[in-house]
């Protein structure tokens, strides 16, 4: 969980039932994406939206 999520789950209940994979992510699951973005490998990346959402917004 994160500071943003503190207390939210108690107020809203189990929100994962509406998610395709029935789970919440953790901040550490963003590590590889963030490391890529700050590495020389991403030098050519600009103005991109990189969705890290565990298929939660997939259509």
Protein backbone atom coordinates (compact mmCIF):
# COMPACT_ATOMS: atom_id res chain seq x y z
CA UNK A 1 0.00 0.00 0.00
CA UNK A 2 0.96 3.64 -0.22
CA UNK A 3 0.13 6.91 1.51
CA UNK A 4 -2.46 7.54 -1.18
CA UNK A 5 -4.18 4.25 -0.37
CA UNK A 6 -4.09 4.66 3.42
CA UNK A 7 -7.64 4.45 4.68
CA UNK A 8 -9.19 4.22 1.23
CA UNK A 9 -9.67 0.46 1.34
CA UNK A 10 -11.38 0.69 4.73
CA UNK A 11 -13.80 3.29 3.36
CA UNK A 12 -14.50 1.60 0.02
CA UNK A 13 -14.20 -2.09 0.86
CA UNK A 14 -12.75 -4.67 -1.52
CA UNK A 15 -12.40 -2.73 -4.76
CA UNK A 16 -10.45 -5.53 -6.45
CA UNK A 17 -13.57 -7.49 -7.35
CA UNK A 18 -14.12 -5.18 -10.30
CA UNK A 19 -10.56 -5.65 -11.58
CA UNK A 20 -9.73 -8.29 -14.22
CA UNK A 21 -6.91 -9.79 -12.12
CA UNK A 22 -8.59 -9.22 -8.72
CA UNK A 23 -5.55 -7.60 -7.09
CA UNK A 24 -3.91 -4.30 -6.22
CA UNK A 25 -0.38 -3.47 -7.19
CA UNK A 26 2.37 -2.30 -4.91
CA UNK A 27 4.64 0.72 -5.41
CA UNK A 28 7.64 -1.60 -5.83
CA UNK A 29 6.02 -3.06 -8.95
CA UNK A 30 6.76 0.25 -10.67
CA UNK A 31 10.51 -0.09 -10.07
CA UNK A 32 11.49 -1.62 -13.41
CA UNK A 33 9.50 0.96 -15.39
CA UNK A 34 10.95 3.83 -13.38
CA UNK A 35 14.49 2.47 -13.71
CA UNK A 36 14.01 2.23 -17.47
CA UNK A 37 12.80 5.83 -17.67
CA UNK A 38 15.84 7.18 -15.81
CA UNK A 39 18.31 5.00 -17.71
CA UNK A 40 20.17 5.80 -20.95
CA UNK A 41 17.96 3.19 -22.66
CA UNK A 42 15.07 5.64 -22.60
CA UNK A 43 16.98 8.54 -24.21
CA UNK A 44 14.72 8.44 -27.27
CA UNK A 45 11.48 8.30 -25.26
CA UNK A 46 9.61 11.58 -24.99
CA UNK A 47 5.98 12.53 -24.73
CA UNK A 48 4.96 8.92 -24.19
CA UNK A 49 2.34 7.52 -21.87
CA UNK A 50 3.50 4.28 -20.31
CA UNK A 51 0.56 2.52 -18.71
CA UNK A 52 1.51 0.29 -15.79
CA UNK A 53 -1.89 -0.88 -14.65
CA UNK A 54 -2.02 -4.70 -14.57
CA UNK A 55 -4.65 -4.71 -17.33
CA UNK A 56 -7.05 -2.74 -15.13
CA UNK A 57 -7.88 -0.36 -17.96
CA UNK A 58 -7.68 -2.87 -20.80
CA UNK A 59 -10.57 -3.03 -23.22
